[in-house]
């Protein structure tokens, strides 16, 4: 009878150890899963921040070229107006002396 009790106690102990190990593994897996989820949330937040700040800090090459061309055209027009004004002033100034 004591052999059966010893065998039964051993089986109960082994089952308890297995359940404890299984519980430990599941807890460890859950902790790692939460940690990974936190990392994913951090990456998602960083990507969202990047998407928000990128248009403010970055200018596409085509946009920069278009901006430069527009600015050059405005400066050329301004230079042409100044030349016309200077030519008119020269005519008025030197025309009155003759």
PDB file of N, CA and C in Angstrom:
ATOM      1  N   UNK A   1       0.813  -1.186   0.000  1.00  0.00           N
ATOM      2  CA  UNK A   1       0.000   0.000   0.000  1.00  0.00           C
ATOM      3  C   UNK A   1       0.865   1.262   0.000  1.00  0.00           C
ATOM      4  N   UNK A   2       1.963   1.217   0.753  1.00  0.00           N
ATOM      5  CA  UNK A   2       2.825   2.387   0.766  1.00  0.00           C
ATOM      6  C   UNK A   2       3.495   2.615  -0.586  1.00  0.00           C
ATOM      7  N   UNK A   3       3.688   1.526  -1.337  1.00  0.00           N
ATOM      8  CA  UNK A   3       4.256   1.705  -2.678  1.00  0.00           C
ATOM      9  C   UNK A   3       3.293   2.486  -3.556  1.00  0.00           C
ATOM     10  N   UNK A   4       2.015   2.184  -3.421  1.00  0.00           N
ATOM     11  CA  UNK A   4       1.013   2.913  -4.215  1.00  0.00           C
ATOM     12  C   UNK A   4       0.943   4.378  -3.787  1.00  0.00           C
ATOM     13  N   UNK A   5       1.034   4.605  -2.518  1.00  0.00           N
ATOM     14  CA  UNK A   5       0.982   5.975  -2.016  1.00  0.00           C
ATOM     15  C   UNK A   5       2.219   6.744  -2.477  1.00  0.00           C
ATOM     16  N   UNK A   6       3.367   6.083  -2.443  1.00  0.00           N
ATOM     17  CA  UNK A   6       4.603   6.721  -2.899  1.00  0.00           C
ATOM     18  C   UNK A   6       4.526   7.005  -4.393  1.00  0.00           C
ATOM     19  N   UNK A   7       4.021   6.054  -5.160  1.00  0.00           N
ATOM     20  CA  UNK A   7       3.869   6.231  -6.602  1.00  0.00           C
ATOM     21  C   UNK A   7       2.874   7.347  -6.898  1.00  0.00           C
ATOM     22  N   UNK A   8       1.779   7.352  -6.198  1.00  0.00           N
ATOM     23  CA  UNK A   8       0.766   8.395  -6.389  1.00  0.00           C
ATOM     24  C   UNK A   8       1.329   9.771  -6.009  1.00  0.00           C
ATOM     25  N   UNK A   9       2.062   9.846  -4.904  1.00  0.00           N
ATOM     26  CA  UNK A   9       2.666  11.108  -4.467  1.00  0.00           C
ATOM     27  C   UNK A   9       3.706  11.568  -5.482  1.00  0.00           C
ATOM     28  N   UNK A  10       4.451  10.620  -6.036  1.00  0.00           N
ATOM     29  CA  UNK A  10       5.450  10.961  -7.056  1.00  0.00           C
ATOM     30  C   UNK A  10       4.767  11.493  -8.308  1.00  0.00           C
ATOM     31  N   UNK A  11       3.699  10.864  -8.714  1.00  0.00           N
ATOM     32  CA  UNK A  11       2.960  11.321  -9.894  1.00  0.00           C
ATOM     33  C   UNK A  11       2.364  12.709  -9.666  1.00  0.00           C
ATOM     34  N   UNK A  12       1.823  12.924  -8.491  1.00  0.00           N
ATOM     35  CA  UNK A  12       1.260  14.240  -8.158  1.00  0.00           C
ATOM     36  C   UNK A  12       2.366  15.294  -8.180  1.00  0.00           C
ATOM     37  N   UNK A  13       3.513  14.961  -7.595  1.00  0.00           N
ATOM     38  CA  UNK A  13       4.639  15.892  -7.572  1.00  0.00           C
ATOM     39  C   UNK A  13       5.116  16.187  -8.979  1.00  0.00           C
ATOM     40  N   UNK A  14       5.237  15.153  -9.813  1.00  0.00           N
ATOM     41  CA  UNK A  14       5.666  15.323 -11.202  1.00  0.00           C
ATOM     42  C   UNK A  14       4.657  16.172 -11.979  1.00  0.00           C
ATOM     43  N   UNK A  15       3.390  15.919 -11.758  1.00  0.00           N
ATOM     44  CA  UNK A  15       2.349  16.718 -12.423  1.00  0.00           C
ATOM     45  C   UNK A  15       2.426  18.168 -11.960  1.00  0.00           C
ATOM     46  N   UNK A  16       2.664  18.372 -10.661  1.00  0.00           N
ATOM     47  CA  UNK A  16       2.791  19.729 -10.133  1.00  0.00           C
ATOM     48  C   UNK A  16       3.993  20.452 -10.730  1.00  0.00           C
ATOM     49  N   UNK A  17       5.114  19.737 -10.834  1.00  0.00           N
ATOM     50  CA  UNK A  17       6.300  20.333 -11.443  1.00  0.00           C
ATOM     51  C   UNK A  17       6.048  20.682 -12.908  1.00  0.00           C
ATOM     52  N   UNK A  18       5.380  19.777 -13.617  1.00  0.00           N
ATOM     53  CA  UNK A  18       5.069  20.045 -15.024  1.00  0.00           C
ATOM     54  C   UNK A  18       4.131  21.242 -15.168  1.00  0.00           C
ATOM     55  N   UNK A  19       3.126  21.304 -14.287  1.00  0.00           N
ATOM     56  CA  UNK A  19       2.217  22.450 -14.339  1.00  0.00           C
ATOM     57  C   UNK A  19       2.941  23.744 -13.988  1.00  0.00           C
ATOM     58  N   UNK A  20       3.845  23.698 -13.013  1.00  0.00           N
ATOM     59  CA  UNK A  20       4.630  24.872 -12.655  1.00  0.00           C
ATOM     60  C   UNK A  20       5.525  25.324 -13.805  1.00  0.00           C
ATOM     61  N   UNK A  21       6.165  24.354 -14.465  1.00  0.00           N
ATOM     62  CA  UNK A  21       7.022  24.689 -15.598  1.00  0.00           C
ATOM     63  C   UNK A  21       6.193  25.254 -16.745  1.00  0.00           C
ATOM     64  N   UNK A  22       5.043  24.655 -16.982  1.00  0.00           N
ATOM     65  CA  UNK A  22       4.162  25.146 -18.041  1.00  0.00           C
ATOM     66  C   UNK A  22       3.676  26.551 -17.730  1.00  0.00           C
ATOM     67  N   UNK A  23       3.336  26.816 -16.475  1.00  0.00           N
ATOM     68  CA  UNK A  23       2.893  28.151 -16.061  1.00  0.00           C
ATOM     69  C   UNK A  23       4.019  29.169 -16.246  1.00  0.00           C
ATOM     70  N   UNK A  24       5.251  28.759 -15.873  1.00  0.00           N
ATOM     71  CA  UNK A  24       6.405  29.642 -16.025  1.00  0.00           C
ATOM     72  C   UNK A  24       6.640  29.977 -17.504  1.00  0.00           C
ATOM     73  N   UNK A  25       6.542  28.950 -18.367  1.00  0.00           N
ATOM     74  CA  UNK A  25       6.726  29.169 -19.804  1.00  0.00           C
ATOM     75  C   UNK A  25       5.651  30.092 -20.368  1.00  0.00           C
ATOM     76  N   UNK A  26       4.407  29.889 -19.956  1.00  0.00           N
ATOM     77  CA  UNK A  26       3.327  30.748 -20.445  1.00  0.00           C
ATOM     78  C   UNK A  26       3.492  32.189 -19.956  1.00  0.00           C
ATOM     79  N   UNK A  27       3.892  32.361 -18.715  1.00  0.00           N
ATOM     80  CA  UNK A  27       4.130  33.717 -18.192  1.00  0.00           C
ATOM     81  C   UNK A  27       5.276  34.399 -18.943  1.00  0.00           C
ATOM     82  N   UNK A  28       6.337  33.641 -19.191  1.00  0.00           N
ATOM     83  CA  UNK A  28       7.470  34.186 -19.934  1.00  0.00           C
ATOM     84  C   UNK A  28       7.048  34.587 -21.343  1.00  0.00           C
ATOM     85  N   UNK A  29       6.277  33.741 -21.988  1.00  0.00           N
ATOM     86  CA  UNK A  29       5.797  34.042 -23.340  1.00  0.00           C
ATOM     87  C   UNK A  29       4.919  35.302 -23.328  1.00  0.00           C
ATOM     88  N   UNK A  30       4.067  35.414 -22.327  1.00  0.00           N
ATOM     89  CA  UNK A  30       3.187  36.587 -22.225  1.00  0.00           C
ATOM     90  C   UNK A  30       4.000  37.872 -22.007  1.00  0.00           C
ATOM     91  N   UNK A  31       5.034  37.801 -21.142  1.00  0.00           N
ATOM     92  CA  UNK A  31       5.895  38.968 -20.924  1.00  0.00           C
ATOM     93  C   UNK A  31       6.605  39.384 -22.206  1.00  0.00           C
ATOM     94  N   UNK A  32       7.137  38.406 -22.926  1.00  0.00           N
ATOM     95  CA  UNK A  32       7.827  38.718 -24.181  1.00  0.00           C
ATOM     96  C   UNK A  32       6.855  39.257 -25.231  1.00  0.00           C
ATOM     97  N   UNK A  33       5.661  38.736 -25.227  1.00  0.00           N
ATOM     98  CA  UNK A  33       4.650  39.220 -26.171  1.00  0.00           C
ATOM     99  C   UNK A  33       4.278  40.675 -25.855  1.00  0.00           C
ATOM    100  N   UNK A  34       4.118  41.001 -24.567  1.00  0.00           N
ATOM    101  CA  UNK A  34       3.842  42.391 -24.186  1.00  0.00           C
ATOM    102  C   UNK A  34       4.998  43.307 -24.551  1.00  0.00           C
ATOM    103  N   UNK A  35       6.228  42.827 -24.333  1.00  0.00           N
ATOM    104  CA  UNK A  35       7.405  43.612 -24.676  1.00  0.00           C
ATOM    105  C   UNK A  35       7.472  43.859 -26.196  1.00  0.00           C
ATOM    106  N   UNK A  36       7.209  42.828 -26.975  1.00  0.00           N
ATOM    107  CA  UNK A  36       7.210  42.978 -28.427  1.00  0.00           C
ATOM    108  C   UNK A  36       6.103  43.921 -28.888  1.00  0.00           C
ATOM    109  N   UNK A  37       4.947  43.820 -28.265  1.00  0.00           N
ATOM    110  CA  UNK A  37       3.840  44.706 -28.604  1.00  0.00           C
ATOM    111  C   UNK A  37       4.204  46.157 -28.282  1.00  0.00           C
ATOM    112  N   UNK A  38       4.886  46.371 -27.175  1.00  0.00           N
ATOM    113  CA  UNK A  38       5.331  47.722 -26.816  1.00  0.00           C
ATOM    114  C   UNK A  38       6.323  48.254 -27.843  1.00  0.00           C
ATOM    115  N   UNK A  39       7.240  47.390 -28.285  1.00  0.00           N
ATOM    116  CA  UNK A  39       8.196  47.796 -29.319  1.00  0.00           C
ATOM    117  C   UNK A  39       7.481  48.158 -30.613  1.00  0.00           C
ATOM    118  N   UNK A  40       6.492  47.376 -30.996  1.00  0.00           N
ATOM    119  CA  UNK A  40       5.733  47.651 -32.218  1.00  0.00           C
ATOM    120  C   UNK A  40       4.990  48.975 -32.086  1.00  0.00           C
ATOM    121  N   UNK A  41       4.398  49.217 -30.918  1.00  0.00           N
ATOM    122  CA  UNK A  41       3.707  50.493 -30.694  1.00  0.00           C
ATOM    123  C   UNK A  41       4.679  51.666 -30.759  1.00  0.00           C
ATOM    124  N   UNK A  42       5.889  51.497 -30.228  1.00  0.00           N
ATOM    125  CA  UNK A  42       6.894  52.558 -30.289  1.00  0.00           C
ATOM    126  C   UNK A  42       7.296  52.840 -31.733  1.00  0.00           C
ATOM    127  N   UNK A  43       7.498  51.787 -32.504  1.00  0.00           N
ATOM    128  CA  UNK A  43       7.858  51.968 -33.916  1.00  0.00           C
ATOM    129  C   UNK A  43       6.718  52.647 -34.662  1.00  0.00           C
ATOM    130  N   UNK A  44       5.485  52.228 -34.404  1.00  0.00           N
ATOM    131  CA  UNK A  44       4.331  52.853 -35.060  1.00  0.00           C
ATOM    132  C   UNK A  44       4.240  54.335 -34.689  1.00  0.00           C
ATOM    133  N   UNK A  45       4.495  54.667 -33.430  1.00  0.00           N
ATOM    134  CA  UNK A  45       4.471  56.061 -32.996  1.00  0.00           C
ATOM    135  C   UNK A  45       5.574  56.861 -33.691  1.00  0.00           C
ATOM    136  N   UNK A  46       6.768  56.276 -33.785  1.00  0.00           N
ATOM    137  CA  UNK A  46       7.875  56.961 -34.455  1.00  0.00           C
ATOM    138  C   UNK A  46       7.579  57.182 -35.939  1.00  0.00           C
ATOM    139  N   UNK A  47       6.971  56.199 -36.576  1.00  0.00           N
ATOM    140  CA  UNK A  47       6.608  56.350 -37.993  1.00  0.00           C
ATOM    141  C   UNK A  47       5.565  57.446 -38.143  1.00  0.00           C
ATOM    142  N   UNK A  48       4.593  57.482 -37.244  1.00  0.00           N
ATOM    143  CA  UNK A  48       3.573  58.539 -37.312  1.00  0.00           C
ATOM    144  C   UNK A  48       4.205  59.915 -37.105  1.00  0.00           C
ATOM    145  N   UNK A  49       5.146  60.020 -36.154  1.00  0.00           N
ATOM    146  CA  UNK A  49       5.838  61.289 -35.941  1.00  0.00           C
ATOM    147  C   UNK A  49       6.643  61.682 -37.172  1.00  0.00           C
ATOM    148  N   UNK A  50       7.295  60.705 -37.782  1.00  0.00           N
ATOM    149  CA  UNK A  50       8.068  60.974 -38.987  1.00  0.00           C
ATOM    150  C   UNK A  50       7.175  61.442 -40.125  1.00  0.00           C
ATOM    151  N   UNK A  51       6.027  60.800 -40.274  1.00  0.00           N
ATOM    152  CA  UNK A  51       5.087  61.214 -41.324  1.00  0.00           C
ATOM    153  C   UNK A  51       4.569  62.626 -41.084  1.00  0.00           C
ATOM    154  N   UNK A  52       4.470  63.015 -39.825  1.00  0.00           N
ATOM    155  CA  UNK A  52       3.984  64.358 -39.511  1.00  0.00           C
ATOM    156  C   UNK A  52       5.059  65.414 -39.736  1.00  0.00           C
ATOM    157  N   UNK A  53       6.304  65.098 -39.400  1.00  0.00           N
ATOM    158  CA  UNK A  53       7.366  66.104 -39.508  1.00  0.00           C
ATOM    159  C   UNK A  53       8.062  66.105 -40.852  1.00  0.00           C
ATOM    160  N   UNK A  54       8.006  65.004 -41.579  1.00  0.00           N
ATOM    161  CA  UNK A  54       8.732  64.919 -42.845  1.00  0.00           C
ATOM    162  C   UNK A  54       8.313  65.978 -43.852  1.00  0.00           C
ATOM    163  N   UNK A  55       7.024  66.229 -44.065  1.00  0.00           N
ATOM    164  CA  UNK A  55       6.671  67.277 -45.036  1.00  0.00           C
ATOM    165  C   UNK A  55       7.141  68.667 -44.614  1.00  0.00           C
ATOM    166  N   UNK A  56       7.323  68.888 -43.335  1.00  0.00           N
ATOM    167  CA  UNK A  56       7.783  70.191 -42.855  1.00  0.00           C
ATOM    168  C   UNK A  56       9.282  70.348 -43.095  1.00  0.00           C
ATOM    169  N   UNK A  57      10.038  69.279 -42.901  1.00  0.00           N
ATOM    170  CA  UNK A  57      11.492  69.351 -42.964  1.00  0.00           C
ATOM    171  C   UNK A  57      12.067  68.963 -44.319  1.00  0.00           C
ATOM    172  N   UNK A  58      11.290  68.338 -45.176  1.00  0.00           N
ATOM    173  CA  UNK A  58      11.825  67.792 -46.413  1.00  0.00           C
ATOM    174  C   UNK A  58      11.125  68.424 -47.606  1.00  0.00           C
ATOM    175  N   UNK A  59      11.914  68.780 -48.609  1.00  0.00           N
ATOM    176  CA  UNK A  59      11.360  69.323 -49.846  1.00  0.00           C
ATOM    177  C   UNK A  59      11.775  68.376 -50.964  1.00  0.00           C
ATOM    178  N   UNK A  60      10.816  67.960 -51.739  1.00  0.00           N
ATOM    179  CA  UNK A  60      11.142  67.076 -52.854  1.00  0.00           C
ATOM    180  C   UNK A  60      11.982  67.815 -53.883  1.00  0.00           C
ATOM    181  N   UNK A  61      12.802  67.085 -54.571  1.00  0.00           N
ATOM    182  CA  UNK A  61      13.707  67.675 -55.561  1.00  0.00           C
ATOM    183  C   UNK A  61      12.925  68.457 -56.605  1.00  0.00           C
ATOM    184  N   UNK A  62      11.840  67.879 -57.104  1.00  0.00           N
ATOM    185  CA  UNK A  62      11.039  68.546 -58.131  1.00  0.00           C
ATOM    186  C   UNK A  62      10.447  69.849 -57.614  1.00  0.00           C
ATOM    187  N   UNK A  63      10.002  69.852 -56.366  1.00  0.00           N
ATOM    188  CA  UNK A  63       9.441  71.072 -55.768  1.00  0.00           C
ATOM    189  C   UNK A  63      10.517  72.138 -55.616  1.00  0.00           C
ATOM    190  N   UNK A  64      11.717  71.710 -55.212  1.00  0.00           N
ATOM    191  CA  UNK A  64      12.804  72.675 -55.048  1.00  0.00           C
ATOM    192  C   UNK A  64      13.196  73.275 -56.402  1.00  0.00           C
ATOM    193  N   UNK A  65      13.255  72.451 -57.438  1.00  0.00           N
ATOM    194  CA  UNK A  65      13.586  72.947 -58.770  1.00  0.00           C
ATOM    195  C   UNK A  65      12.512  73.923 -59.246  1.00  0.00           C
ATOM    196  N   UNK A  66      11.251  73.587 -59.044  1.00  0.00           N
ATOM    197  CA  UNK A  66      10.154  74.473 -59.432  1.00  0.00           C
ATOM    198  C   UNK A  66      10.226  75.787 -58.658  1.00  0.00           C
ATOM    199  N   UNK A  67      10.513  75.713 -57.365  1.00  0.00           N
ATOM    200  CA  UNK A  67      10.645  76.920 -56.551  1.00  0.00           C
ATOM    201  C   UNK A  67      11.790  77.785 -57.071  1.00  0.00           C
ATOM    202  N   UNK A  68      12.935  77.159 -57.364  1.00  0.00           N
ATOM    203  CA  UNK A  68      14.078  77.892 -57.878  1.00  0.00           C
ATOM    204  C   UNK A  68      13.782  78.546 -59.224  1.00  0.00           C
ATOM    205  N   UNK A  69      13.085  77.814 -60.093  1.00  0.00           N
ATOM    206  CA  UNK A  69      12.739  78.381 -61.404  1.00  0.00           C
ATOM    207  C   UNK A  69      11.784  79.561 -61.248  1.00  0.00           C
ATOM    208  N   UNK A  70      10.827  79.444 -60.367  1.00  0.00           N
ATOM    209  CA  UNK A  70       9.889  80.547 -60.121  1.00  0.00           C
ATOM    210  C   UNK A  70      10.623  81.760 -59.572  1.00  0.00           C
ATOM    211  N   UNK A  71      11.510  81.521 -58.630  1.00  0.00           N
ATOM    212  CA  UNK A  71      12.279  82.611 -58.046  1.00  0.00           C
ATOM    213  C   UNK A  71      13.173  83.275 -59.095  1.00  0.00           C
ATOM    214  N   UNK A  72      13.817  82.457 -59.931  1.00  0.00           N
ATOM    215  CA  UNK A  72      14.651  83.022 -61.001  1.00  0.00           C
ATOM    216  C   UNK A  72      13.825  83.854 -61.969  1.00  0.00           C
ATOM    217  N   UNK A  73      12.638  83.380 -62.317  1.00  0.00           N
ATOM    218  CA  UNK A  73      11.776  84.128 -63.228  1.00  0.00           C
ATOM    219  C   UNK A  73      11.362  85.466 -62.609  1.00  0.00           C
ATOM    220  N   UNK A  74      11.052  85.459 -61.336  1.00  0.00           N
ATOM    221  CA  UNK A  74      10.676  86.715 -60.662  1.00  0.00           C
ATOM    222  C   UNK A  74      11.854  87.679 -60.610  1.00  0.00           C
ATOM    223  N   UNK A  75      13.047  87.154 -60.310  1.00  0.00           N
ATOM    224  CA  UNK A  75      14.226  88.013 -60.288  1.00  0.00           C
ATOM    225  C   UNK A  75      14.541  88.572 -61.676  1.00  0.00           C
ATOM    226  N   UNK A  76      14.386  87.756 -62.713  1.00  0.00           N
ATOM    227  CA  UNK A  76      14.603  88.231 -64.077  1.00  0.00           C
ATOM    228  C   UNK A  76      13.616  89.331 -64.431  1.00  0.00           C
ATOM    229  N   UNK A  77      12.361  89.150 -64.046  1.00  0.00           N
ATOM    230  CA  UNK A  77      11.349  90.174 -64.325  1.00  0.00           C
ATOM    231  C   UNK A  77      11.670  91.454 -63.568  1.00  0.00           C
ATOM    232  N   UNK A  78      12.100  91.327 -62.326  1.00  0.00           N
ATOM    233  CA  UNK A  78      12.464  92.493 -61.528  1.00  0.00           C
ATOM    234  C   UNK A  78      13.676  93.206 -62.144  1.00  0.00           C
ATOM    235  N   UNK A  79      14.656  92.446 -62.583  1.00  0.00           N
ATOM    236  CA  UNK A  79      15.834  93.022 -63.222  1.00  0.00           C
ATOM    237  C   UNK A  79      15.452  93.763 -64.504  1.00  0.00           C
ATOM    238  N   UNK A  80      14.549  93.189 -65.273  1.00  0.00           N
ATOM    239  CA  UNK A  80      14.095  93.831 -66.515  1.00  0.00           C
ATOM    240  C   UNK A  80      13.358  95.136 -66.215  1.00  0.00           C
ATOM    241  N   UNK A  81      12.525  95.119 -65.181  1.00  0.00           N
ATOM    242  CA  UNK A  81      11.837  96.354 -64.782  1.00  0.00           C
ATOM    243  C   UNK A  81      12.833  97.419 -64.342  1.00  0.00           C
ATOM    244  N   UNK A  82      13.847  97.027 -63.578  1.00  0.00           N
ATOM    245  CA  UNK A  82      14.857  97.987 -63.141  1.00  0.00           C
ATOM    246  C   UNK A  82      15.631  98.547 -64.331  1.00  0.00           C
ATOM    247  N   UNK A  83      15.964  97.700 -65.301  1.00  0.00           N
ATOM    248  CA  UNK A  83      16.650  98.178 -66.507  1.00  0.00           C
ATOM    249  C   UNK A  83      15.792  99.190 -67.261  1.00  0.00           C
ATOM    250  N   UNK A  84      14.494  98.868 -67.378  1.00  0.00           N
ATOM    251  CA  UNK A  84      13.593  99.793 -68.064  1.00  0.00           C
ATOM    252  C   UNK A  84      13.515 101.122 -67.316  1.00  0.00           C
ATOM    253  N   UNK A  85      13.395 101.034 -65.978  1.00  0.00           N
ATOM    254  CA  UNK A  85      13.320 102.254 -65.174  1.00  0.00           C
ATOM    255  C   UNK A  85      14.616 103.064 -65.288  1.00  0.00           C
ATOM    256  N   UNK A  86      15.756 102.389 -65.250  1.00  0.00           N
ATOM    257  CA  UNK A  86      17.037 103.089 -65.378  1.00  0.00           C
ATOM    258  C   UNK A  86      17.183 103.711 -66.768  1.00  0.00           C
ATOM    259  N   UNK A  87      16.751 102.995 -67.784  1.00  0.00           N
ATOM    260  CA  UNK A  87      16.814 103.546 -69.142  1.00  0.00           C
ATOM    261  C   UNK A  87      15.927 104.781 -69.237  1.00  0.00           C
ATOM    262  N   UNK A  88      14.755 104.724 -68.639  1.00  0.00           N
ATOM    263  CA  UNK A  88      13.837 105.874 -68.650  1.00  0.00           C
ATOM    264  C   UNK A  88      14.459 107.046 -67.902  1.00  0.00           C
ATOM    265  N   UNK A  89      15.063 106.791 -66.755  1.00  0.00           N
ATOM    266  CA  UNK A  89      15.722 107.853 -65.995  1.00  0.00           C
ATOM    267  C   UNK A  89      16.882 108.466 -66.786  1.00  0.00           C
ATOM    268  N   UNK A  90      17.645 107.630 -67.479  1.00  0.00           N
ATOM    269  CA  UNK A  90      18.751 108.143 -68.287  1.00  0.00           C
ATOM    270  C   UNK A  90      18.224 109.033 -69.406  1.00  0.00           C
ATOM    271  N   UNK A  91      17.144 108.595 -70.054  1.00  0.00           N
ATOM    272  CA  UNK A  91      16.559 109.412 -71.125  1.00  0.00           C
ATOM    273  C   UNK A  91      16.071 110.751 -70.582  1.00  0.00           C
ATOM    274  N   UNK A  92      15.401 110.681 -69.433  1.00  0.00           N
ATOM    275  CA  UNK A  92      14.899 111.922 -68.838  1.00  0.00           C
ATOM    276  C   UNK A  92      16.046 112.828 -68.397  1.00  0.00           C
ATOM    277  N   UNK A  93      17.043 112.234 -67.786  1.00  0.00           N
ATOM    278  CA  UNK A  93      18.165 113.021 -67.268  1.00  0.00           C
ATOM    279  C   UNK A  93      18.989 113.602 -68.409  1.00  0.00           C
ATOM    280  N   UNK A  94      19.398 112.782 -69.311  1.00  0.00           N
ATOM    281  CA  UNK A  94      20.266 113.261 -70.395  1.00  0.00           C
ATOM    282  C   UNK A  94      19.448 113.981 -71.478  1.00  0.00           C
ATOM    283  N   UNK A  95      18.175 113.672 -71.573  1.00  0.00           N
ATOM    284  CA  UNK A  95      17.337 114.328 -72.552  1.00  0.00           C
ATOM    285  C   UNK A  95      17.105 115.783 -72.185  1.00  0.00           C
ATOM    286  N   UNK A  96      17.045 116.100 -70.921  1.00  0.00           N
ATOM    287  CA  UNK A  96      16.829 117.470 -70.452  1.00  0.00           C
ATOM    288  C   UNK A  96      18.089 118.312 -70.628  1.00  0.00           C
ATOM    289  N   UNK A  97      19.248 117.719 -70.615  1.00  0.00           N
ATOM    290  CA  UNK A  97      20.506 118.459 -70.752  1.00  0.00           C
ATOM    291  C   UNK A  97      20.749 118.887 -72.188  1.00  0.00           C
ATOM    292  N   UNK A  98      20.267 118.136 -73.120  1.00  0.00           N
ATOM    293  CA  UNK A  98      20.539 118.481 -74.525  1.00  0.00           C
ATOM    294  C   UNK A  98      19.849 119.683 -74.937  1.00  0.00           C
TER     295      UNK A  98
END
